[in-house]
Amino acid sequence: MIEFKSRYGSTYEIRFVKANYANNGSLAVLVEDFEPDLEYWEPYCTLTVNLDGYCFGQSMAYLDTNNVPDLCEFVIENGWATVIGEGYSGFCTYPLVEFTEEFLGEICEVME
């Protein structure tokens, strides 16, 4: 469990979950937050964005800076990912990152 404080001042206990996009097998990183009153994890957001046609294997992905910029900054600032390029969709530019082996080794696998 990791403590994350959003730019709006809310604090969340989060975890990252590794998955794959169905159309191309690219790495997807989901974020869940823990609901202590109900004692379960619920979806918070998807950290990555799937740009059609791009598949970089299981260590690289585009971060969704359009919808969750503060969480993307959090991941980069903590050294869990390094920006190595960028991609475009519409009017948005998304950083292409490579996640560290340590980060990918410690996050949960999606339950199928």
PDB file of N, CA and C in Angstrom:
ATOM      1  N   MET A   1       0.837  -1.169   0.000  1.00  0.00           N
ATOM      2  CA  MET A   1       0.000   0.000   0.000  1.00  0.00           C
ATOM      3  C   MET A   1       0.892   1.246   0.000  1.00  0.00           C
ATOM      4  N   ILE A   2       0.533   2.217  -0.823  1.00  0.00           N
ATOM      5  CA  ILE A   2       1.295   3.448  -0.968  1.00  0.00           C
ATOM      6  C   ILE A   2       0.366   4.617  -0.684  1.00  0.00           C
ATOM      7  N   GLU A   3       0.843   5.584   0.065  1.00  0.00           N
ATOM      8  CA  GLU A   3       0.036   6.768   0.334  1.00  0.00           C
ATOM      9  C   GLU A   3       0.244   7.787  -0.778  1.00  0.00           C
ATOM     10  N   PHE A   4      -0.856   8.224  -1.373  1.00  0.00           N
ATOM     11  CA  PHE A   4      -0.825   9.195  -2.458  1.00  0.00           C
ATOM     12  C   PHE A   4      -1.739  10.356  -2.113  1.00  0.00           C
ATOM     13  N   LYS A   5      -1.193  11.578  -2.224  1.00  0.00           N
ATOM     14  CA  LYS A   5      -1.987  12.776  -1.967  1.00  0.00           C
ATOM     15  C   LYS A   5      -2.228  13.472  -3.296  1.00  0.00           C
ATOM     16  N   SER A   6      -3.508  13.595  -3.669  1.00  0.00           N
ATOM     17  CA  SER A   6      -3.853  14.220  -4.944  1.00  0.00           C
ATOM     18  C   SER A   6      -3.659  15.724  -4.869  1.00  0.00           C
ATOM     19  N   ARG A   7      -3.655  16.361  -6.001  1.00  0.00           N
ATOM     20  CA  ARG A   7      -3.479  17.817  -6.032  1.00  0.00           C
ATOM     21  C   ARG A   7      -4.668  18.549  -5.422  1.00  0.00           C
ATOM     22  N   TYR A   8      -5.760  17.840  -5.184  1.00  0.00           N
ATOM     23  CA  TYR A   8      -6.936  18.441  -4.564  1.00  0.00           C
ATOM     24  C   TYR A   8      -6.936  18.274  -3.046  1.00  0.00           C
ATOM     25  N   GLY A   9      -5.868  17.653  -2.513  1.00  0.00           N
ATOM     26  CA  GLY A   9      -5.712  17.532  -1.079  1.00  0.00           C
ATOM     27  C   GLY A   9      -6.191  16.226  -0.472  1.00  0.00           C
ATOM     28  N   SER A  10      -6.830  15.375  -1.246  1.00  0.00           N
ATOM     29  CA  SER A  10      -7.295  14.089  -0.721  1.00  0.00           C
ATOM     30  C   SER A  10      -6.129  13.105  -0.658  1.00  0.00           C
ATOM     31  N   THR A  11      -6.125  12.293   0.391  1.00  0.00           N
ATOM     32  CA  THR A  11      -5.095  11.267   0.546  1.00  0.00           C
ATOM     33  C   THR A  11      -5.723   9.899   0.323  1.00  0.00           C
ATOM     34  N   TYR A  12      -5.027   9.070  -0.456  1.00  0.00           N
ATOM     35  CA  TYR A  12      -5.507   7.734  -0.792  1.00  0.00           C
ATOM     36  C   TYR A  12      -4.436   6.713  -0.455  1.00  0.00           C
ATOM     37  N   GLU A  13      -4.866   5.532  -0.068  1.00  0.00           N
ATOM     38  CA  GLU A  13      -3.988   4.371   0.057  1.00  0.00           C
ATOM     39  C   GLU A  13      -4.176   3.601  -1.238  1.00  0.00           C
ATOM     40  N   ILE A  14      -3.149   3.564  -2.069  1.00  0.00           N
ATOM     41  CA  ILE A  14      -3.302   2.980  -3.391  1.00  0.00           C
ATOM     42  C   ILE A  14      -2.368   1.790  -3.601  1.00  0.00           C
ATOM     43  N   ARG A  15      -2.673   1.049  -4.643  1.00  0.00           N
ATOM     44  CA  ARG A  15      -1.766   0.024  -5.143  1.00  0.00           C
ATOM     45  C   ARG A  15      -1.875   0.030  -6.664  1.00  0.00           C
ATOM     46  N   PHE A  16      -0.825  -0.427  -7.302  1.00  0.00           N
ATOM     47  CA  PHE A  16      -0.785  -0.514  -8.750  1.00  0.00           C
ATOM     48  C   PHE A  16      -1.051  -1.959  -9.162  1.00  0.00           C
ATOM     49  N   VAL A  17      -1.743  -2.127 -10.276  1.00  0.00           N
ATOM     50  CA  VAL A  17      -2.102  -3.451 -10.770  1.00  0.00           C
ATOM     51  C   VAL A  17      -1.689  -3.549 -12.235  1.00  0.00           C
ATOM     52  N   LYS A  18      -0.974  -4.614 -12.553  1.00  0.00           N
ATOM     53  CA  LYS A  18      -0.488  -4.843 -13.910  1.00  0.00           C
ATOM     54  C   LYS A  18      -1.531  -5.623 -14.709  1.00  0.00           C
ATOM     55  N   ALA A  19      -1.799  -5.130 -15.933  1.00  0.00           N
ATOM     56  CA  ALA A  19      -2.743  -5.799 -16.835  1.00  0.00           C
ATOM     57  C   ALA A  19      -2.243  -5.598 -18.266  1.00  0.00           C
ATOM     58  N   ASN A  20      -3.037  -6.034 -19.228  1.00  0.00           N
ATOM     59  CA  ASN A  20      -2.718  -5.841 -20.636  1.00  0.00           C
ATOM     60  C   ASN A  20      -3.947  -5.349 -21.381  1.00  0.00           C
ATOM     61  N   TYR A  21      -3.718  -4.494 -22.377  1.00  0.00           N
ATOM     62  CA  TYR A  21      -4.811  -4.058 -23.231  1.00  0.00           C
ATOM     63  C   TYR A  21      -5.182  -5.196 -24.170  1.00  0.00           C
ATOM     64  N   ALA A  22      -6.462  -5.424 -24.344  1.00  0.00           N
ATOM     65  CA  ALA A  22      -6.944  -6.570 -25.115  1.00  0.00           C
ATOM     66  C   ALA A  22      -6.601  -6.494 -26.597  1.00  0.00           C
ATOM     67  N   ASN A  23      -6.583  -5.296 -27.176  1.00  0.00           N
ATOM     68  CA  ASN A  23      -6.417  -5.203 -28.628  1.00  0.00           C
ATOM     69  C   ASN A  23      -4.987  -5.400 -29.114  1.00  0.00           C
ATOM     70  N   ASN A  24      -3.986  -5.140 -28.251  1.00  0.00           N
ATOM     71  CA  ASN A  24      -2.606  -5.261 -28.727  1.00  0.00           C
ATOM     72  C   ASN A  24      -1.639  -5.862 -27.706  1.00  0.00           C
ATOM     73  N   GLY A  25      -2.114  -6.194 -26.527  1.00  0.00           N
ATOM     74  CA  GLY A  25      -1.268  -6.818 -25.520  1.00  0.00           C
ATOM     75  C   GLY A  25      -0.322  -5.884 -24.796  1.00  0.00           C
ATOM     76  N   SER A  26      -0.407  -4.574 -25.072  1.00  0.00           N
ATOM     77  CA  SER A  26       0.467  -3.605 -24.399  1.00  0.00           C
ATOM     78  C   SER A  26       0.220  -3.586 -22.895  1.00  0.00           C
ATOM     79  N   LEU A  27       1.242  -3.186 -22.171  1.00  0.00           N
ATOM     80  CA  LEU A  27       1.152  -3.067 -20.721  1.00  0.00           C
ATOM     81  C   LEU A  27       0.134  -2.001 -20.327  1.00  0.00           C
ATOM     82  N   ALA A  28      -0.742  -2.351 -19.419  1.00  0.00           N
ATOM     83  CA  ALA A  28      -1.685  -1.415 -18.809  1.00  0.00           C
ATOM     84  C   ALA A  28      -1.398  -1.425 -17.313  1.00  0.00           C
ATOM     85  N   VAL A  29      -1.360  -0.251 -16.708  1.00  0.00           N
ATOM     86  CA  VAL A  29      -1.176  -0.166 -15.259  1.00  0.00           C
ATOM     87  C   VAL A  29      -2.416   0.501 -14.675  1.00  0.00           C
ATOM     88  N   LEU A  30      -3.110  -0.251 -13.849  1.00  0.00           N
ATOM     89  CA  LEU A  30      -4.321   0.224 -13.191  1.00  0.00           C
ATOM     90  C   LEU A  30      -3.971   0.665 -11.777  1.00  0.00           C
ATOM     91  N   VAL A  31      -4.804   1.515 -11.215  1.00  0.00           N
ATOM     92  CA  VAL A  31      -4.599   1.971  -9.836  1.00  0.00           C
ATOM     93  C   VAL A  31      -5.883   1.701  -9.059  1.00  0.00           C
ATOM     94  N   GLU A  32      -5.713   1.110  -7.897  1.00  0.00           N
ATOM     95  CA  GLU A  32      -6.847   0.854  -7.008  1.00  0.00           C
ATOM     96  C   GLU A  32      -6.603   1.568  -5.684  1.00  0.00           C
ATOM     97  N   ASP A  33      -7.693   1.971  -5.028  1.00  0.00           N
ATOM     98  CA  ASP A  33      -7.518   2.540  -3.698  1.00  0.00           C
ATOM     99  C   ASP A  33      -8.295   1.713  -2.686  1.00  0.00           C
ATOM    100  N   PHE A  34      -7.750   1.677  -1.471  1.00  0.00           N
ATOM    101  CA  PHE A  34      -8.305   0.833  -0.416  1.00  0.00           C
ATOM    102  C   PHE A  34      -9.403   1.582   0.324  1.00  0.00           C
ATOM    103  N   GLU A  35     -10.537   0.939   0.458  1.00  0.00           N
ATOM    104  CA  GLU A  35     -11.663   1.488   1.208  1.00  0.00           C
ATOM    105  C   GLU A  35     -11.666   0.845   2.590  1.00  0.00           C
ATOM    106  N   PRO A  36     -11.115   1.527   3.608  1.00  0.00           N
ATOM    107  CA  PRO A  36     -10.975   0.900   4.929  1.00  0.00           C
ATOM    108  C   PRO A  36     -12.301   0.536   5.597  1.00  0.00           C
ATOM    109  N   ASP A  37     -13.338   1.336   5.374  1.00  0.00           N
ATOM    110  CA  ASP A  37     -14.628   1.028   5.997  1.00  0.00           C
ATOM    111  C   ASP A  37     -15.217  -0.274   5.469  1.00  0.00           C
ATOM    112  N   LEU A  38     -14.966  -0.557   4.207  1.00  0.00           N
ATOM    113  CA  LEU A  38     -15.513  -1.755   3.585  1.00  0.00           C
ATOM    114  C   LEU A  38     -14.472  -2.856   3.431  1.00  0.00           C
ATOM    115  N   GLU A  39     -13.221  -2.520   3.713  1.00  0.00           N
ATOM    116  CA  GLU A  39     -12.098  -3.445   3.667  1.00  0.00           C
ATOM    117  C   GLU A  39     -11.941  -4.133   2.306  1.00  0.00           C
ATOM    118  N   TYR A  40     -11.954  -3.350   1.239  1.00  0.00           N
ATOM    119  CA  TYR A  40     -11.690  -3.898  -0.087  1.00  0.00           C
ATOM    120  C   TYR A  40     -11.047  -2.839  -0.973  1.00  0.00           C
ATOM    121  N   TRP A  41     -10.455  -3.302  -2.065  1.00  0.00           N
ATOM    122  CA  TRP A  41      -9.837  -2.428  -3.059  1.00  0.00           C
ATOM    123  C   TRP A  41     -10.857  -2.112  -4.135  1.00  0.00           C
ATOM    124  N   GLU A  42     -10.886  -0.837  -4.571  1.00  0.00           N
ATOM    125  CA  GLU A  42     -11.770  -0.472  -5.666  1.00  0.00           C
ATOM    126  C   GLU A  42     -10.991   0.298  -6.724  1.00  0.00           C
ATOM    127  N   PRO A  43     -11.462   0.278  -7.974  1.00  0.00           N
ATOM    128  CA  PRO A  43     -10.752   0.988  -9.034  1.00  0.00           C
ATOM    129  C   PRO A  43     -10.661   2.486  -8.743  1.00  0.00           C
ATOM    130  N   TYR A  44      -9.497   3.057  -8.969  1.00  0.00           N
ATOM    131  CA  TYR A  44      -9.280   4.493  -8.825  1.00  0.00           C
ATOM    132  C   TYR A  44      -9.108   5.122 -10.214  1.00  0.00           C
ATOM    133  N   CYS A  45      -8.211   4.552 -11.027  1.00  0.00           N
ATOM    134  CA  CYS A  45      -7.991   5.060 -12.375  1.00  0.00           C
ATOM    135  C   CYS A  45      -7.105   4.094 -13.154  1.00  0.00           C
ATOM    136  N   THR A  46      -6.917   4.403 -14.428  1.00  0.00           N
ATOM    137  CA  THR A  46      -5.932   3.707 -15.247  1.00  0.00           C
ATOM    138  C   THR A  46      -4.790   4.683 -15.458  1.00  0.00           C
ATOM    139  N   LEU A  47      -3.603   4.309 -15.029  1.00  0.00           N
ATOM    140  CA  LEU A  47      -2.427   5.177 -15.100  1.00  0.00           C
ATOM    141  C   LEU A  47      -1.919   5.335 -16.528  1.00  0.00           C
ATOM    142  N   THR A  48      -2.121   4.322 -17.333  1.00  0.00           N
ATOM    143  CA  THR A  48      -1.590   4.329 -18.691  1.00  0.00           C
ATOM    144  C   THR A  48      -2.707   4.589 -19.693  1.00  0.00           C
ATOM    145  N   VAL A  49      -2.299   4.904 -20.912  1.00  0.00           N
ATOM    146  CA  VAL A  49      -3.251   5.102 -22.003  1.00  0.00           C
ATOM    147  C   VAL A  49      -2.821   4.211 -23.164  1.00  0.00           C
ATOM    148  N   ASN A  50      -3.795   3.658 -23.862  1.00  0.00           N
ATOM    149  CA  ASN A  50      -3.532   2.738 -24.958  1.00  0.00           C
ATOM    150  C   ASN A  50      -3.638   3.498 -26.280  1.00  0.00           C
ATOM    151  N   LEU A  51      -2.506   3.731 -26.917  1.00  0.00           N
ATOM    152  CA  LEU A  51      -2.524   4.356 -28.235  1.00  0.00           C
ATOM    153  C   LEU A  51      -2.528   3.240 -29.259  1.00  0.00           C
ATOM    154  N   ASP A  52      -3.605   3.136 -30.033  1.00  0.00           N
ATOM    155  CA  ASP A  52      -3.779   2.061 -31.003  1.00  0.00           C
ATOM    156  C   ASP A  52      -2.544   1.830 -31.860  1.00  0.00           C
ATOM    157  N   GLY A  53      -2.234   0.567 -32.009  1.00  0.00           N
ATOM    158  CA  GLY A  53      -1.146   0.187 -32.893  1.00  0.00           C
ATOM    159  C   GLY A  53       0.217   0.120 -32.240  1.00  0.00           C
ATOM    160  N   TYR A  54       0.352   0.621 -31.024  1.00  0.00           N
ATOM    161  CA  TYR A  54       1.653   0.622 -30.368  1.00  0.00           C
ATOM    162  C   TYR A  54       1.716  -0.475 -29.322  1.00  0.00           C
ATOM    163  N   CYS A  55       2.719  -1.308 -29.414  1.00  0.00           N
ATOM    164  CA  CYS A  55       2.947  -2.336 -28.408  1.00  0.00           C
ATOM    165  C   CYS A  55       4.445  -2.394 -28.143  1.00  0.00           C
ATOM    166  N   PHE A  56       4.832  -2.048 -26.933  1.00  0.00           N
ATOM    167  CA  PHE A  56       6.247  -1.961 -26.583  1.00  0.00           C
ATOM    168  C   PHE A  56       6.698  -3.072 -25.660  1.00  0.00           C
ATOM    169  N   GLY A  57       5.909  -4.088 -25.482  1.00  0.00           N
ATOM    170  CA  GLY A  57       6.280  -5.136 -24.556  1.00  0.00           C
ATOM    171  C   GLY A  57       5.731  -4.852 -23.177  1.00  0.00           C
ATOM    172  N   GLN A  58       6.362  -5.423 -22.184  1.00  0.00           N
ATOM    173  CA  GLN A  58       5.803  -5.389 -20.838  1.00  0.00           C
ATOM    174  C   GLN A  58       6.530  -4.481 -19.861  1.00  0.00           C
ATOM    175  N   SER A  59       7.342  -3.559 -20.356  1.00  0.00           N
ATOM    176  CA  SER A  59       7.993  -2.624 -19.432  1.00  0.00           C
ATOM    177  C   SER A  59       7.769  -1.173 -19.814  1.00  0.00           C
ATOM    178  N   MET A  60       7.141  -0.918 -20.967  1.00  0.00           N
ATOM    179  CA  MET A  60       6.921   0.447 -21.424  1.00  0.00           C
ATOM    180  C   MET A  60       5.445   0.711 -21.684  1.00  0.00           C
ATOM    181  N   ALA A  61       5.038   1.963 -21.451  1.00  0.00           N
ATOM    182  CA  ALA A  61       3.653   2.367 -21.695  1.00  0.00           C
ATOM    183  C   ALA A  61       3.584   3.886 -21.733  1.00  0.00           C
ATOM    184  N   TYR A  62       2.475   4.396 -22.254  1.00  0.00           N
ATOM    185  CA  TYR A  62       2.214   5.832 -22.228  1.00  0.00           C
ATOM    186  C   TYR A  62       1.452   6.172 -20.949  1.00  0.00           C
ATOM    187  N   LEU A  63       1.878   7.227 -20.254  1.00  0.00           N
ATOM    188  CA  LEU A  63       1.177   7.663 -19.047  1.00  0.00           C
ATOM    189  C   LEU A  63       0.033   8.597 -19.419  1.00  0.00           C
ATOM    190  N   ASP A  64      -1.070   8.474 -18.711  1.00  0.00           N
ATOM    191  CA  ASP A  64      -2.256   9.287 -18.987  1.00  0.00           C
ATOM    192  C   ASP A  64      -2.177  10.635 -18.274  1.00  0.00           C
ATOM    193  N   THR A  65      -1.330  11.497 -18.788  1.00  0.00           N
ATOM    194  CA  THR A  65      -1.163  12.832 -18.202  1.00  0.00           C
ATOM    195  C   THR A  65      -2.366  13.729 -18.458  1.00  0.00           C
ATOM    196  N   ASN A  66      -3.251  13.321 -19.343  1.00  0.00           N
ATOM    197  CA  ASN A  66      -4.452  14.095 -19.621  1.00  0.00           C
ATOM    198  C   ASN A  66      -5.471  13.974 -18.484  1.00  0.00           C
ATOM    199  N   ASN A  67      -5.617  12.790 -17.921  1.00  0.00           N
ATOM    200  CA  ASN A  67      -6.637  12.550 -16.891  1.00  0.00           C
ATOM    201  C   ASN A  67      -6.097  12.460 -15.471  1.00  0.00           C
ATOM    202  N   VAL A  68      -4.867  11.972 -15.294  1.00  0.00           N
ATOM    203  CA  VAL A  68      -4.302  11.831 -13.945  1.00  0.00           C
ATOM    204  C   VAL A  68      -2.863  12.364 -13.901  1.00  0.00           C
ATOM    205  N   PRO A  69      -2.685  13.648 -14.218  1.00  0.00           N
ATOM    206  CA  PRO A  69      -1.318  14.192 -14.286  1.00  0.00           C
ATOM    207  C   PRO A  69      -0.567  14.128 -12.967  1.00  0.00           C
ATOM    208  N   ASP A  70      -1.256  14.335 -11.843  1.00  0.00           N
ATOM    209  CA  ASP A  70      -0.571  14.311 -10.551  1.00  0.00           C
ATOM    210  C   ASP A  70      -0.074  12.911 -10.205  1.00  0.00           C
ATOM    211  N   LEU A  71      -0.808  11.896 -10.570  1.00  0.00           N
ATOM    212  CA  LEU A  71      -0.378  10.526 -10.312  1.00  0.00           C
ATOM    213  C   LEU A  71       0.783  10.143 -11.231  1.00  0.00           C
ATOM    214  N   CYS A  72       0.752  10.621 -12.468  1.00  0.00           N
ATOM    215  CA  CYS A  72       1.863  10.374 -13.396  1.00  0.00           C
ATOM    216  C   CYS A  72       3.141  11.013 -12.864  1.00  0.00           C
ATOM    217  N   GLU A  73       3.052  12.244 -12.385  1.00  0.00           N
ATOM    218  CA  GLU A  73       4.207  12.924 -11.787  1.00  0.00           C
ATOM    219  C   GLU A  73       4.715  12.154 -10.574  1.00  0.00           C
ATOM    220  N   PHE A  74       3.802  11.642  -9.769  1.00  0.00           N
ATOM    221  CA  PHE A  74       4.134  10.873  -8.568  1.00  0.00           C
ATOM    222  C   PHE A  74       4.981   9.650  -8.918  1.00  0.00           C
ATOM    223  N   VAL A  75       4.594   8.953  -9.980  1.00  0.00           N
ATOM    224  CA  VAL A  75       5.312   7.749 -10.418  1.00  0.00           C
ATOM    225  C   VAL A  75       6.717   8.106 -10.890  1.00  0.00           C
ATOM    226  N   ILE A  76       6.834   9.162 -11.676  1.00  0.00           N
ATOM    227  CA  ILE A  76       8.139   9.580 -12.188  1.00  0.00           C
ATOM    228  C   ILE A  76       9.022  10.111 -11.072  1.00  0.00           C
ATOM    229  N   GLU A  77       8.473  10.946 -10.196  1.00  0.00           N
ATOM    230  CA  GLU A  77       9.244  11.520  -9.086  1.00  0.00           C
ATOM    231  C   GLU A  77       9.779  10.453  -8.133  1.00  0.00           C
ATOM    232  N   ASN A  78       9.056   9.346  -7.996  1.00  0.00           N
ATOM    233  CA  ASN A  78       9.500   8.263  -7.112  1.00  0.00           C
ATOM    234  C   ASN A  78      10.486   7.324  -7.794  1.00  0.00           C
ATOM    235  N   GLY A  79      10.818   7.607  -9.057  1.00  0.00           N
ATOM    236  CA  GLY A  79      11.811   6.811  -9.760  1.00  0.00           C
ATOM    237  C   GLY A  79      11.311   5.468 -10.258  1.00  0.00           C
ATOM    238  N   TRP A  80       9.997   5.287 -10.323  1.00  0.00           N
ATOM    239  CA  TRP A  80       9.430   4.020 -10.775  1.00  0.00           C
ATOM    240  C   TRP A  80       9.352   3.933 -12.291  1.00  0.00           C
ATOM    241  N   ALA A  81       9.501   5.089 -12.965  1.00  0.00           N
ATOM    242  CA  ALA A  81       9.443   5.124 -14.430  1.00  0.00           C
ATOM    243  C   ALA A  81      10.315   6.264 -14.929  1.00  0.00           C
ATOM    244  N   THR A  82      10.869   6.077 -16.127  1.00  0.00           N
ATOM    245  CA  THR A  82      11.707   7.084 -16.774  1.00  0.00           C
ATOM    246  C   THR A  82      11.093   7.422 -18.126  1.00  0.00           C
ATOM    247  N   VAL A  83      10.969   8.711 -18.420  1.00  0.00           N
ATOM    248  CA  VAL A  83      10.427   9.144 -19.705  1.00  0.00           C
ATOM    249  C   VAL A  83      11.468   8.883 -20.788  1.00  0.00           C
ATOM    250  N   ILE A  84      11.036   8.179 -21.858  1.00  0.00           N
ATOM    251  CA  ILE A  84      11.960   7.844 -22.946  1.00  0.00           C
ATOM    252  C   ILE A  84      11.455   8.316 -24.306  1.00  0.00           C
ATOM    253  N   GLY A  85      10.276   8.922 -24.351  1.00  0.00           N
ATOM    254  CA  GLY A  85       9.715   9.391 -25.618  1.00  0.00           C
ATOM    255  C   GLY A  85       8.347   9.980 -25.387  1.00  0.00           C
ATOM    256  N   GLU A  86       7.593  10.145 -26.466  1.00  0.00           N
ATOM    257  CA  GLU A  86       6.230  10.652 -26.341  1.00  0.00           C
ATOM    258  C   GLU A  86       5.383  10.167 -27.502  1.00  0.00           C
ATOM    259  N   GLY A  87       4.075  10.185 -27.276  1.00  0.00           N
ATOM    260  CA  GLY A  87       3.110   9.807 -28.297  1.00  0.00           C
ATOM    261  C   GLY A  87       1.984  10.817 -28.307  1.00  0.00           C
ATOM    262  N   TYR A  88       1.204  10.787 -29.368  1.00  0.00           N
ATOM    263  CA  TYR A  88       0.161  11.791 -29.544  1.00  0.00           C
ATOM    264  C   TYR A  88      -1.167  11.131 -29.862  1.00  0.00           C
ATOM    265  N   SER A  89      -2.223  11.753 -29.368  1.00  0.00           N
ATOM    266  CA  SER A  89      -3.578  11.358 -29.704  1.00  0.00           C
ATOM    267  C   SER A  89      -4.439  12.608 -29.583  1.00  0.00           C
ATOM    268  N   GLY A  90      -5.055  13.004 -30.682  1.00  0.00           N
ATOM    269  CA  GLY A  90      -5.838  14.242 -30.668  1.00  0.00           C
ATOM    270  C   GLY A  90      -4.950  15.412 -30.331  1.00  0.00           C
ATOM    271  N   PHE A  91      -5.360  16.202 -29.353  1.00  0.00           N
ATOM    272  CA  PHE A  91      -4.584  17.357 -28.927  1.00  0.00           C
ATOM    273  C   PHE A  91      -3.671  17.053 -27.738  1.00  0.00           C
ATOM    274  N   CYS A  92      -3.575  15.790 -27.350  1.00  0.00           N
ATOM    275  CA  CYS A  92      -2.810  15.414 -26.160  1.00  0.00           C
ATOM    276  C   CYS A  92      -1.464  14.787 -26.532  1.00  0.00           C
ATOM    277  N   THR A  93      -0.478  15.078 -25.711  1.00  0.00           N
ATOM    278  CA  THR A  93       0.833  14.456 -25.812  1.00  0.00           C
ATOM    279  C   THR A  93       1.018  13.601 -24.565  1.00  0.00           C
ATOM    280  N   TYR A  94       1.386  12.344 -24.760  1.00  0.00           N
ATOM    281  CA  TYR A  94       1.556  11.414 -23.653  1.00  0.00           C
ATOM    282  C   TYR A  94       3.011  10.969 -23.569  1.00  0.00           C
ATOM    283  N   PRO A  95       3.613  11.034 -22.378  1.00  0.00           N
ATOM    284  CA  PRO A  95       4.993  10.559 -22.247  1.00  0.00           C
ATOM    285  C   PRO A  95       5.052   9.029 -22.321  1.00  0.00           C
ATOM    286  N   LEU A  96       6.001   8.550 -23.101  1.00  0.00           N
ATOM    287  CA  LEU A  96       6.294   7.122 -23.142  1.00  0.00           C
ATOM    288  C   LEU A  96       7.321   6.866 -22.047  1.00  0.00           C
ATOM    289  N   VAL A  97       7.010   5.956 -21.143  1.00  0.00           N
ATOM    290  CA  VAL A  97       7.914   5.666 -20.035  1.00  0.00           C
ATOM    291  C   VAL A  97       8.325   4.207 -20.038  1.00  0.00           C
ATOM    292  N   GLU A  98       9.476   3.979 -19.424  1.00  0.00           N
ATOM    293  CA  GLU A  98       9.903   2.610 -19.139  1.00  0.00           C
ATOM    294  C   GLU A  98       9.877   2.452 -17.629  1.00  0.00           C
ATOM    295  N   PHE A  99       9.092   1.491 -17.165  1.00  0.00           N
ATOM    296  CA  PHE A  99       8.993   1.225 -15.734  1.00  0.00           C
ATOM    297  C   PHE A  99      10.198   0.413 -15.286  1.00  0.00           C
ATOM    298  N   THR A 100      10.614   0.621 -14.046  1.00  0.00           N
ATOM    299  CA  THR A 100      11.739  -0.147 -13.525  1.00  0.00           C
ATOM    300  C   THR A 100      11.309  -1.592 -13.286  1.00  0.00           C
ATOM    301  N   GLU A 101      12.272  -2.491 -13.364  1.00  0.00           N
ATOM    302  CA  GLU A 101      11.994  -3.909 -13.093  1.00  0.00           C
ATOM    303  C   GLU A 101      11.484  -4.084 -11.672  1.00  0.00           C
ATOM    304  N   GLU A 102      12.071  -3.322 -10.749  1.00  0.00           N
ATOM    305  CA  GLU A 102      11.655  -3.411  -9.347  1.00  0.00           C
ATOM    306  C   GLU A 102      10.175  -3.047  -9.194  1.00  0.00           C
ATOM    307  N   PHE A 103       9.755  -1.942  -9.811  1.00  0.00           N
ATOM    308  CA  PHE A 103       8.354  -1.520  -9.743  1.00  0.00           C
ATOM    309  C   PHE A 103       7.438  -2.593 -10.323  1.00  0.00           C
ATOM    310  N   LEU A 104       7.765  -3.066 -11.516  1.00  0.00           N
ATOM    311  CA  LEU A 104       6.916  -4.077 -12.164  1.00  0.00           C
ATOM    312  C   LEU A 104       6.887  -5.385 -11.390  1.00  0.00           C
ATOM    313  N   GLY A 105       7.986  -5.701 -10.709  1.00  0.00           N
ATOM    314  CA  GLY A 105       8.047  -6.928  -9.919  1.00  0.00           C
ATOM    315  C   GLY A 105       7.236  -6.858  -8.633  1.00  0.00           C
ATOM    316  N   GLU A 106       6.995  -5.643  -8.157  1.00  0.00           N
ATOM    317  CA  GLU A 106       6.300  -5.482  -6.879  1.00  0.00           C
ATOM    318  C   GLU A 106       4.800  -5.223  -7.014  1.00  0.00           C
ATOM    319  N   ILE A 107       4.356  -4.831  -8.199  1.00  0.00           N
ATOM    320  CA  ILE A 107       2.921  -4.515  -8.319  1.00  0.00           C
ATOM    321  C   ILE A 107       2.113  -5.790  -8.551  1.00  0.00           C
ATOM    322  N   CYS A 108       0.842  -5.712  -8.234  1.00  0.00           N
ATOM    323  CA  CYS A 108      -0.069  -6.856  -8.328  1.00  0.00           C
ATOM    324  C   CYS A 108      -0.359  -7.206  -9.772  1.00  0.00           C
ATOM    325  N   GLU A 109      -0.712  -8.453  -9.993  1.00  0.00           N
ATOM    326  CA  GLU A 109      -1.207  -8.902 -11.299  1.00  0.00           C
ATOM    327  C   GLU A 109      -2.717  -8.816 -11.271  1.00  0.00           C
ATOM    328  N   VAL A 110      -3.307  -8.450 -12.395  1.00  0.00           N
ATOM    329  CA  VAL A 110      -4.767  -8.367 -12.472  1.00  0.00           C
ATOM    330  C   VAL A 110      -5.359  -9.771 -12.300  1.00  0.00           C
ATOM    331  N   MET A 111      -6.475  -9.837 -11.603  1.00  0.00           N
ATOM    332  CA  MET A 111      -7.168 -11.111 -11.404  1.00  0.00           C
ATOM    333  C   MET A 111      -8.039 -11.359 -12.620  1.00  0.00           C
ATOM    334  N   GLU A 112      -7.939 -12.535 -13.224  1.00  0.00           N
ATOM    335  CA  GLU A 112      -8.744 -12.835 -14.405  1.00  0.00           C
ATOM    336  C   GLU A 112      -9.934 -13.674 -14.052  1.00  0.00           C
TER     337      GLU A 112
END
